[in-house]
Amino acid sequence: MRALLVTVLLFIANYGWGQNDTIPSVEKEFDFIRELLEPNRLGGVNIRISGDPRIEKLVRLNITNNKKGYSFKGYRIQILSTSSSNSNVDSLKKYTENFEKLFPDIPAYLQYFDPDFKIRVGNFHSRLEAIPALKRIRKKYPNSYPVKTDIYLKELNRVQEQDTISAPDPLLPFKR
């Protein structure tokens, strides 16, 4: 019974966090636990939830953390890691720019993790999704490898809307 309750609560907590290409809109907070406990809410059925109260706290903590960062666990490919004591930030920025010139379709990020600077590239949902890009990148950066990291939505580049008017199709008959 507890396993079922935990599964239902975790499913409901993660329900709105699917793969979505739009930024989430601000909505009125919905407290599903309070809604379930209201008498006669579900057609005259009273629901009693019995279980460890720490589960409810854990679910609420998970919801709060998801709202704060607007991030997801994903993968990036690390192409460089260097100590901050013997590195110059300007040279690291040039290294990042050179990567973006070689691979214009893959964004690069210079990040500081005490005490090291790391250059990580790409935004991938899974390790499997990163493999084709990793094969391309390893031709120029042989020591690169995928790493699990938090990817924040504000870091993602949104695709610009393209003009819907295109060049005439050469296969269609010419109109005069």
N, C-alpha and C. Protein backbone atom coordinates (compact mmCIF):
# COMPACT_ATOMS: atom_id res chain seq x y z
N MET A 1 0.82 -1.20 0.00
CA MET A 1 0.00 0.00 0.00
C MET A 1 0.87 1.26 0.00
N ARG A 2 1.94 1.21 0.82
CA ARG A 2 2.83 2.38 0.87
C ARG A 2 3.51 2.61 -0.46
N ALA A 3 3.93 1.51 -1.08
CA ALA A 3 4.61 1.64 -2.38
C ALA A 3 3.67 2.27 -3.40
N LEU A 4 2.40 1.89 -3.38
CA LEU A 4 1.43 2.46 -4.30
C LEU A 4 1.25 3.95 -4.02
N LEU A 5 1.13 4.32 -2.75
CA LEU A 5 0.96 5.72 -2.38
C LEU A 5 2.16 6.55 -2.81
N VAL A 6 3.36 6.05 -2.57
CA VAL A 6 4.57 6.77 -2.95
C VAL A 6 4.63 6.93 -4.46
N THR A 7 4.30 5.88 -5.19
CA THR A 7 4.31 5.94 -6.65
C THR A 7 3.32 6.97 -7.16
N VAL A 8 2.12 6.98 -6.62
CA VAL A 8 1.10 7.94 -7.04
C VAL A 8 1.55 9.36 -6.73
N LEU A 9 2.08 9.58 -5.55
CA LEU A 9 2.51 10.93 -5.17
C LEU A 9 3.66 11.41 -6.04
N LEU A 10 4.63 10.57 -6.32
CA LEU A 10 5.75 10.97 -7.17
C LEU A 10 5.30 11.20 -8.61
N PHE A 11 4.36 10.39 -9.09
CA PHE A 11 3.84 10.60 -10.44
C PHE A 11 3.14 11.94 -10.54
N ILE A 12 2.33 12.26 -9.56
CA ILE A 12 1.59 13.52 -9.57
C ILE A 12 2.56 14.70 -9.44
N ALA A 13 3.60 14.56 -8.61
CA ALA A 13 4.56 15.64 -8.41
C ALA A 13 5.34 15.93 -9.68
N ASN A 14 5.62 14.92 -10.48
CA ASN A 14 6.40 15.12 -11.69
C ASN A 14 5.54 15.23 -12.94
N TYR A 15 4.24 15.26 -12.80
CA TYR A 15 3.33 15.26 -13.93
C TYR A 15 3.57 16.45 -14.86
N GLY A 16 3.75 17.63 -14.34
CA GLY A 16 3.89 18.82 -15.16
C GLY A 16 5.30 19.06 -15.65
N TRP A 17 6.23 18.13 -15.43
CA TRP A 17 7.63 18.37 -15.76
C TRP A 17 8.06 17.52 -16.93
N GLY A 18 7.23 17.42 -17.96
CA GLY A 18 7.57 16.62 -19.12
C GLY A 18 8.43 17.41 -20.08
N GLN A 19 8.75 16.82 -21.21
CA GLN A 19 9.56 17.51 -22.19
C GLN A 19 8.67 18.50 -22.92
N ASN A 20 8.97 19.75 -22.71
CA ASN A 20 8.15 20.81 -23.25
C ASN A 20 9.08 21.84 -23.87
N ASP A 21 8.76 22.35 -25.03
CA ASP A 21 9.61 23.33 -25.68
C ASP A 21 9.30 24.76 -25.26
N THR A 22 8.28 24.95 -24.45
CA THR A 22 7.92 26.30 -24.05
C THR A 22 8.29 26.52 -22.59
N ILE A 23 8.48 27.77 -22.25
CA ILE A 23 8.78 28.11 -20.87
C ILE A 23 7.48 27.99 -20.08
N PRO A 24 7.54 27.34 -18.91
CA PRO A 24 6.30 27.15 -18.16
C PRO A 24 5.68 28.48 -17.74
N SER A 25 4.36 28.56 -17.85
CA SER A 25 3.67 29.78 -17.44
C SER A 25 3.38 29.71 -15.94
N VAL A 26 3.18 30.87 -15.37
CA VAL A 26 2.91 30.93 -13.94
C VAL A 26 1.43 30.63 -13.74
N GLU A 27 1.15 29.62 -12.94
CA GLU A 27 -0.22 29.23 -12.67
C GLU A 27 -0.46 29.23 -11.17
N LYS A 28 -1.72 29.28 -10.80
CA LYS A 28 -2.06 29.18 -9.41
C LYS A 28 -1.65 27.81 -8.90
N GLU A 29 -1.02 27.79 -7.71
CA GLU A 29 -0.53 26.53 -7.17
C GLU A 29 -1.70 25.62 -6.81
N PHE A 30 -1.57 24.38 -7.19
CA PHE A 30 -2.60 23.39 -6.94
C PHE A 30 -2.09 22.42 -5.88
N ASP A 31 -2.77 22.32 -4.78
CA ASP A 31 -2.38 21.42 -3.70
C ASP A 31 -3.22 20.15 -3.82
N PHE A 32 -2.66 19.13 -4.45
CA PHE A 32 -3.42 17.92 -4.73
C PHE A 32 -3.74 17.14 -3.45
N ILE A 33 -2.89 17.24 -2.45
CA ILE A 33 -3.15 16.51 -1.21
C ILE A 33 -4.36 17.11 -0.50
N ARG A 34 -4.44 18.43 -0.44
CA ARG A 34 -5.58 19.09 0.20
C ARG A 34 -6.86 18.79 -0.58
N GLU A 35 -6.76 18.78 -1.92
CA GLU A 35 -7.93 18.47 -2.75
C GLU A 35 -8.44 17.05 -2.50
N LEU A 36 -7.52 16.11 -2.33
CA LEU A 36 -7.93 14.73 -2.07
C LEU A 36 -8.61 14.58 -0.72
N LEU A 37 -8.16 15.36 0.25
CA LEU A 37 -8.68 15.22 1.60
C LEU A 37 -10.00 15.95 1.82
N GLU A 38 -10.40 16.81 0.89
CA GLU A 38 -11.67 17.51 1.05
C GLU A 38 -12.82 16.51 0.97
N PRO A 39 -13.75 16.56 1.92
CA PRO A 39 -14.87 15.62 1.87
C PRO A 39 -15.79 15.90 0.68
N ASN A 40 -16.30 14.84 0.13
CA ASN A 40 -17.27 14.90 -0.98
C ASN A 40 -16.71 15.59 -2.22
N ARG A 41 -15.42 15.64 -2.36
CA ARG A 41 -14.82 16.27 -3.53
C ARG A 41 -14.93 15.37 -4.76
N LEU A 42 -14.85 14.09 -4.55
CA LEU A 42 -14.87 13.13 -5.65
C LEU A 42 -16.19 12.37 -5.69
N GLY A 43 -17.27 13.06 -5.77
CA GLY A 43 -18.57 12.42 -5.91
C GLY A 43 -19.02 11.69 -4.65
N GLY A 44 -18.83 12.28 -3.49
CA GLY A 44 -19.29 11.67 -2.25
C GLY A 44 -18.34 10.67 -1.64
N VAL A 45 -17.16 10.55 -2.17
CA VAL A 45 -16.19 9.60 -1.63
C VAL A 45 -15.21 10.34 -0.73
N ASN A 46 -15.04 9.84 0.47
CA ASN A 46 -14.05 10.41 1.38
C ASN A 46 -12.76 9.60 1.26
N ILE A 47 -11.66 10.30 1.15
CA ILE A 47 -10.37 9.64 1.02
C ILE A 47 -9.56 9.92 2.28
N ARG A 48 -8.96 8.87 2.79
CA ARG A 48 -8.08 9.01 3.94
C ARG A 48 -6.70 8.51 3.53
N ILE A 49 -5.71 9.37 3.64
CA ILE A 49 -4.35 8.99 3.29
C ILE A 49 -3.62 8.68 4.58
N SER A 50 -3.16 7.46 4.68
CA SER A 50 -2.39 7.09 5.86
C SER A 50 -0.99 6.69 5.41
N GLY A 51 -0.03 7.23 6.05
CA GLY A 51 1.36 6.94 5.69
C GLY A 51 2.27 7.86 6.46
N ASP A 52 3.52 7.74 6.18
CA ASP A 52 4.52 8.54 6.84
C ASP A 52 4.37 10.00 6.40
N PRO A 53 4.21 10.94 7.33
CA PRO A 53 4.06 12.35 6.94
C PRO A 53 5.31 12.91 6.28
N ARG A 54 6.44 12.25 6.43
CA ARG A 54 7.66 12.73 5.79
C ARG A 54 7.59 12.60 4.27
N ILE A 55 6.75 11.70 3.78
CA ILE A 55 6.59 11.56 2.34
C ILE A 55 5.98 12.83 1.76
N GLU A 56 4.97 13.36 2.42
CA GLU A 56 4.35 14.60 1.96
C GLU A 56 5.36 15.74 1.97
N LYS A 57 6.19 15.81 3.01
CA LYS A 57 7.22 16.85 3.07
C LYS A 57 8.21 16.69 1.92
N LEU A 58 8.57 15.46 1.62
CA LEU A 58 9.51 15.19 0.54
C LEU A 58 8.92 15.60 -0.82
N VAL A 59 7.66 15.31 -1.03
CA VAL A 59 7.00 15.69 -2.28
C VAL A 59 6.95 17.21 -2.40
N ARG A 60 6.60 17.90 -1.31
CA ARG A 60 6.55 19.36 -1.34
C ARG A 60 7.94 19.97 -1.57
N LEU A 61 8.98 19.37 -1.00
CA LEU A 61 10.34 19.84 -1.21
C LEU A 61 10.75 19.67 -2.67
N ASN A 62 10.38 18.55 -3.26
CA ASN A 62 10.68 18.30 -4.67
C ASN A 62 9.99 19.34 -5.56
N ILE A 63 8.74 19.64 -5.28
CA ILE A 63 8.00 20.63 -6.07
C ILE A 63 8.66 22.00 -5.94
N THR A 64 9.05 22.38 -4.72
CA THR A 64 9.68 23.67 -4.48
C THR A 64 11.01 23.78 -5.22
N ASN A 65 11.82 22.73 -5.15
CA ASN A 65 13.11 22.75 -5.84
C ASN A 65 12.95 22.84 -7.35
N ASN A 66 11.96 22.16 -7.90
CA ASN A 66 11.73 22.23 -9.34
C ASN A 66 11.30 23.63 -9.77
N LYS A 67 10.55 24.33 -8.93
CA LYS A 67 10.10 25.67 -9.28
C LYS A 67 11.23 26.69 -9.21
N LYS A 68 12.19 26.49 -8.31
CA LYS A 68 13.27 27.45 -8.13
C LYS A 68 14.16 27.56 -9.35
N GLY A 69 14.69 26.46 -9.78
CA GLY A 69 15.76 26.52 -10.76
C GLY A 69 15.34 26.41 -12.20
N TYR A 70 14.17 25.87 -12.47
CA TYR A 70 13.77 25.58 -13.84
C TYR A 70 14.93 24.90 -14.56
N SER A 71 15.37 23.79 -14.00
CA SER A 71 16.47 23.05 -14.59
C SER A 71 16.10 21.58 -14.70
N PHE A 72 16.90 20.87 -15.45
CA PHE A 72 16.71 19.43 -15.56
C PHE A 72 18.08 18.77 -15.58
N LYS A 73 18.10 17.50 -15.21
CA LYS A 73 19.33 16.73 -15.27
C LYS A 73 19.55 16.32 -16.72
N GLY A 74 20.71 16.65 -17.22
CA GLY A 74 21.04 16.31 -18.59
C GLY A 74 22.52 16.03 -18.72
N TYR A 75 22.98 16.01 -19.96
CA TYR A 75 24.39 15.72 -20.22
C TYR A 75 24.99 16.80 -21.09
N ARG A 76 26.26 17.06 -20.82
CA ARG A 76 27.08 17.90 -21.68
C ARG A 76 28.38 17.14 -21.92
N ILE A 77 29.10 17.56 -22.93
CA ILE A 77 30.37 16.93 -23.24
C ILE A 77 31.48 17.85 -22.75
N GLN A 78 32.32 17.32 -21.87
CA GLN A 78 33.41 18.12 -21.32
C GLN A 78 34.62 17.98 -22.23
N ILE A 79 35.11 19.14 -22.72
CA ILE A 79 36.25 19.11 -23.62
C ILE A 79 37.53 19.59 -22.95
N LEU A 80 37.40 20.28 -21.80
CA LEU A 80 38.59 20.78 -21.12
C LEU A 80 38.29 20.98 -19.64
N SER A 81 39.26 20.62 -18.82
CA SER A 81 39.21 20.90 -17.38
C SER A 81 40.61 21.33 -16.98
N THR A 82 40.71 22.51 -16.40
CA THR A 82 42.00 23.04 -16.02
C THR A 82 41.93 23.73 -14.67
N SER A 83 43.02 23.71 -13.97
CA SER A 83 43.09 24.32 -12.64
C SER A 83 42.99 25.84 -12.77
N SER A 84 42.32 26.47 -11.84
CA SER A 84 42.17 27.92 -11.89
C SER A 84 43.46 28.64 -11.52
N SER A 85 44.39 27.95 -10.87
CA SER A 85 45.63 28.60 -10.44
C SER A 85 46.57 28.88 -11.61
N ASN A 86 46.52 28.06 -12.65
CA ASN A 86 47.45 28.28 -13.77
C ASN A 86 46.74 28.53 -15.09
N SER A 87 45.56 29.12 -15.06
CA SER A 87 44.84 29.38 -16.30
C SER A 87 44.40 30.84 -16.36
N ASN A 88 44.28 31.31 -17.57
CA ASN A 88 43.86 32.67 -17.84
C ASN A 88 42.43 32.63 -18.41
N VAL A 89 41.56 33.43 -17.86
CA VAL A 89 40.16 33.40 -18.28
C VAL A 89 40.02 33.82 -19.74
N ASP A 90 40.82 34.78 -20.18
CA ASP A 90 40.73 35.23 -21.57
C ASP A 90 41.11 34.11 -22.54
N SER A 91 42.14 33.35 -22.20
CA SER A 91 42.53 32.24 -23.09
C SER A 91 41.46 31.15 -23.09
N LEU A 92 40.79 30.94 -21.95
CA LEU A 92 39.70 29.96 -21.91
C LEU A 92 38.51 30.42 -22.74
N LYS A 93 38.23 31.73 -22.72
CA LYS A 93 37.15 32.26 -23.56
C LYS A 93 37.48 32.09 -25.04
N LYS A 94 38.74 32.30 -25.40
CA LYS A 94 39.15 32.10 -26.80
C LYS A 94 39.01 30.62 -27.18
N TYR A 95 39.36 29.73 -26.26
CA TYR A 95 39.22 28.29 -26.50
C TYR A 95 37.76 27.95 -26.77
N THR A 96 36.85 28.55 -25.97
CA THR A 96 35.41 28.34 -26.16
C THR A 96 34.95 28.88 -27.50
N GLU A 97 35.43 30.07 -27.86
CA GLU A 97 35.05 30.66 -29.15
C GLU A 97 35.55 29.83 -30.32
N ASN A 98 36.77 29.29 -30.19
CA ASN A 98 37.30 28.43 -31.26
C ASN A 98 36.45 27.18 -31.43
N PHE A 99 35.99 26.62 -30.31
CA PHE A 99 35.12 25.45 -30.41
C PHE A 99 33.84 25.82 -31.15
N GLU A 100 33.25 26.97 -30.79
CA GLU A 100 31.98 27.37 -31.42
C GLU A 100 32.16 27.67 -32.91
N LYS A 101 33.37 28.06 -33.32
CA LYS A 101 33.63 28.25 -34.75
C LYS A 101 33.70 26.90 -35.47
N LEU A 102 34.31 25.92 -34.82
CA LEU A 102 34.41 24.59 -35.42
C LEU A 102 33.06 23.87 -35.46
N PHE A 103 32.27 24.06 -34.41
CA PHE A 103 30.96 23.40 -34.28
C PHE A 103 29.90 24.47 -33.98
N PRO A 104 29.44 25.20 -34.99
CA PRO A 104 28.49 26.29 -34.74
C PRO A 104 27.12 25.82 -34.23
N ASP A 105 26.80 24.54 -34.42
CA ASP A 105 25.50 24.04 -33.98
C ASP A 105 25.49 23.56 -32.54
N ILE A 106 26.66 23.57 -31.87
CA ILE A 106 26.75 23.09 -30.49
C ILE A 106 27.21 24.23 -29.60
N PRO A 107 26.39 24.67 -28.63
CA PRO A 107 26.80 25.76 -27.74
C PRO A 107 27.86 25.30 -26.75
N ALA A 108 28.76 26.21 -26.38
CA ALA A 108 29.83 25.91 -25.43
C ALA A 108 29.65 26.78 -24.18
N TYR A 109 30.00 26.22 -23.02
CA TYR A 109 29.84 26.91 -21.75
C TYR A 109 31.14 26.83 -20.96
N LEU A 110 31.63 27.98 -20.54
CA LEU A 110 32.78 28.04 -19.65
C LEU A 110 32.23 28.16 -18.24
N GLN A 111 32.54 27.19 -17.39
CA GLN A 111 32.00 27.16 -16.04
C GLN A 111 33.12 27.02 -15.02
N TYR A 112 32.90 27.56 -13.84
CA TYR A 112 33.87 27.46 -12.77
C TYR A 112 33.32 26.57 -11.67
N PHE A 113 34.02 25.48 -11.40
CA PHE A 113 33.71 24.59 -10.29
C PHE A 113 34.96 24.59 -9.42
N ASP A 114 34.86 25.17 -8.25
CA ASP A 114 36.01 25.36 -7.39
C ASP A 114 36.81 24.09 -7.23
N PRO A 115 38.04 24.01 -7.53
CA PRO A 115 39.01 25.03 -7.96
C PRO A 115 39.33 24.98 -9.45
N ASP A 116 38.46 24.44 -10.28
CA ASP A 116 38.77 24.23 -11.70
C ASP A 116 37.81 24.99 -12.61
N PHE A 117 38.33 25.32 -13.80
CA PHE A 117 37.50 25.79 -14.90
C PHE A 117 37.22 24.60 -15.79
N LYS A 118 35.99 24.51 -16.28
CA LYS A 118 35.61 23.42 -17.17
C LYS A 118 34.89 24.01 -18.37
N ILE A 119 35.21 23.48 -19.53
CA ILE A 119 34.48 23.87 -20.74
C ILE A 119 33.66 22.66 -21.14
N ARG A 120 32.35 22.87 -21.11
CA ARG A 120 31.39 21.82 -21.46
C ARG A 120 30.53 22.31 -22.60
N VAL A 121 30.14 21.39 -23.46
CA VAL A 121 29.42 21.78 -24.67
C VAL A 121 28.15 20.95 -24.83
N GLY A 122 27.17 21.55 -25.49
CA GLY A 122 25.94 20.85 -25.83
C GLY A 122 24.91 20.89 -24.72
N ASN A 123 23.70 20.48 -25.06
CA ASN A 123 22.57 20.34 -24.15
C ASN A 123 21.84 19.07 -24.56
N PHE A 124 22.06 18.01 -23.81
CA PHE A 124 21.49 16.72 -24.18
C PHE A 124 20.65 16.19 -23.02
N HIS A 125 19.53 15.58 -23.34
CA HIS A 125 18.64 15.02 -22.32
C HIS A 125 19.19 13.71 -21.77
N SER A 126 19.90 12.96 -22.58
CA SER A 126 20.41 11.66 -22.13
C SER A 126 21.81 11.45 -22.68
N ARG A 127 22.49 10.48 -22.09
CA ARG A 127 23.83 10.14 -22.55
C ARG A 127 23.77 9.59 -23.98
N LEU A 128 22.74 8.85 -24.27
CA LEU A 128 22.57 8.27 -25.60
C LEU A 128 22.42 9.37 -26.66
N GLU A 129 21.74 10.44 -26.31
CA GLU A 129 21.55 11.55 -27.24
C GLU A 129 22.87 12.28 -27.50
N ALA A 130 23.81 12.22 -26.56
CA ALA A 130 25.09 12.92 -26.69
C ALA A 130 26.10 12.17 -27.55
N ILE A 131 25.88 10.89 -27.80
CA ILE A 131 26.89 10.06 -28.48
C ILE A 131 27.22 10.54 -29.90
N PRO A 132 26.25 10.87 -30.77
CA PRO A 132 26.62 11.34 -32.11
C PRO A 132 27.49 12.60 -32.08
N ALA A 133 27.15 13.53 -31.21
CA ALA A 133 27.95 14.76 -31.10
C ALA A 133 29.33 14.44 -30.53
N LEU A 134 29.39 13.51 -29.59
CA LEU A 134 30.67 13.11 -28.99
C LEU A 134 31.60 12.53 -30.05
N LYS A 135 31.07 11.74 -30.96
CA LYS A 135 31.90 11.16 -32.02
C LYS A 135 32.48 12.26 -32.91
N ARG A 136 31.68 13.26 -33.24
CA ARG A 136 32.16 14.38 -34.06
C ARG A 136 33.22 15.19 -33.31
N ILE A 137 32.95 15.45 -32.02
CA ILE A 137 33.84 16.30 -31.23
C ILE A 137 35.17 15.60 -30.97
N ARG A 138 35.16 14.30 -30.77
CA ARG A 138 36.41 13.57 -30.47
C ARG A 138 37.41 13.61 -31.62
N LYS A 139 36.96 13.93 -32.82
CA LYS A 139 37.91 14.06 -33.93
C LYS A 139 38.85 15.24 -33.69
N LYS A 140 38.36 16.30 -33.06
CA LYS A 140 39.18 17.48 -32.77
C LYS A 140 39.64 17.52 -31.31
N TYR A 141 38.83 16.97 -30.41
CA TYR A 141 39.13 16.97 -28.97
C TYR A 141 39.08 15.53 -28.48
N PRO A 142 40.17 14.78 -28.61
CA PRO A 142 40.13 13.33 -28.34
C PRO A 142 39.89 12.96 -26.88
N ASN A 143 40.12 13.86 -25.94
CA ASN A 143 39.94 13.53 -24.52
C ASN A 143 38.56 13.95 -23.99
N SER A 144 37.64 14.28 -24.86
CA SER A 144 36.32 14.72 -24.42
C SER A 144 35.48 13.52 -23.99
N TYR A 145 34.53 13.80 -23.08
CA TYR A 145 33.66 12.74 -22.55
C TYR A 145 32.37 13.37 -22.01
N PRO A 146 31.26 12.60 -21.99
CA PRO A 146 30.00 13.14 -21.49
C PRO A 146 29.97 13.17 -19.96
N VAL A 147 29.35 14.22 -19.41
CA VAL A 147 29.19 14.35 -17.97
C VAL A 147 27.75 14.73 -17.66
N LYS A 148 27.25 14.22 -16.56
CA LYS A 148 25.90 14.55 -16.12
C LYS A 148 25.95 15.89 -15.41
N THR A 149 25.01 16.76 -15.72
CA THR A 149 25.01 18.10 -15.15
C THR A 149 23.60 18.66 -15.13
N ASP A 150 23.42 19.74 -14.37
CA ASP A 150 22.16 20.47 -14.37
C ASP A 150 22.16 21.44 -15.54
N ILE A 151 21.12 21.40 -16.33
CA ILE A 151 20.98 22.32 -17.46
C ILE A 151 19.81 23.24 -17.14
N TYR A 152 20.09 24.52 -17.06
CA TYR A 152 19.07 25.51 -16.73
C TYR A 152 18.40 26.01 -18.00
N LEU A 153 17.10 26.23 -17.92
CA LEU A 153 16.35 26.65 -19.09
C LEU A 153 16.82 27.98 -19.63
N LYS A 154 17.32 28.86 -18.75
CA LYS A 154 17.78 30.16 -19.22
C LYS A 154 19.04 30.04 -20.08
N GLU A 155 19.77 28.92 -19.97
CA GLU A 155 20.96 28.71 -20.77
C GLU A 155 20.64 28.22 -22.18
N LEU A 156 19.49 27.66 -22.36
CA LEU A 156 19.14 27.10 -23.66
C LEU A 156 18.87 28.20 -24.66
N ASN A 157 19.37 28.03 -25.85
CA ASN A 157 19.09 28.98 -26.92
C ASN A 157 17.78 28.62 -27.56
N ARG A 158 16.88 29.54 -27.59
CA ARG A 158 15.59 29.29 -28.21
C ARG A 158 15.74 29.44 -29.73
N VAL A 159 15.08 28.58 -30.45
CA VAL A 159 15.12 28.63 -31.90
C VAL A 159 14.30 29.84 -32.35
N GLN A 160 14.91 30.67 -33.18
CA GLN A 160 14.21 31.83 -33.70
C GLN A 160 13.17 31.37 -34.73
N GLU A 161 12.02 32.03 -34.71
CA GLU A 161 11.00 31.69 -35.70
C GLU A 161 11.50 32.09 -37.08
N GLN A 162 11.31 31.21 -38.03
CA GLN A 162 11.78 31.48 -39.37
C GLN A 162 10.63 32.04 -40.21
N ASP A 163 11.01 32.73 -41.25
CA ASP A 163 10.03 33.29 -42.17
C ASP A 163 9.32 32.13 -42.87
N THR A 164 7.99 32.21 -42.91
CA THR A 164 7.22 31.13 -43.52
C THR A 164 7.16 31.24 -45.04
N ILE A 165 7.55 32.38 -45.58
CA ILE A 165 7.56 32.54 -47.03
C ILE A 165 8.88 31.99 -47.55
N SER A 166 8.81 31.03 -48.42
CA SER A 166 10.02 30.41 -48.93
C SER A 166 10.14 30.63 -50.43
N ALA A 167 11.25 30.23 -50.96
CA ALA A 167 11.46 30.35 -52.41
C ALA A 167 10.48 29.43 -53.13
N PRO A 168 10.13 29.78 -54.36
CA PRO A 168 9.19 28.94 -55.10
C PRO A 168 9.77 27.56 -55.34
N ASP A 169 8.89 26.59 -55.32
CA ASP A 169 9.29 25.19 -55.53
C ASP A 169 9.55 24.97 -57.01
N PRO A 170 10.75 24.50 -57.40
CA PRO A 170 11.04 24.32 -58.81
C PRO A 170 10.22 23.20 -59.46
N LEU A 171 9.63 22.33 -58.68
CA LEU A 171 8.85 21.24 -59.24
C LEU A 171 7.43 21.64 -59.59
N LEU A 172 6.97 22.76 -59.03
CA LEU A 172 5.62 23.23 -59.34
C LEU A 172 5.64 23.98 -60.68
N PRO A 173 4.53 23.93 -61.41
CA PRO A 173 4.48 24.65 -62.70
C PRO A 173 4.62 26.15 -62.48
N PHE A 174 5.30 26.77 -63.40
CA PHE A 174 5.54 28.22 -63.32
C PHE A 174 4.26 28.96 -63.65
N LYS A 175 3.88 29.92 -62.79
CA LYS A 175 2.66 30.71 -63.02
C LYS A 175 3.06 32.05 -63.60
N ARG A 176 2.32 32.48 -64.62
CA ARG A 176 2.59 33.79 -65.23
C ARG A 176 1.46 34.72 -64.98
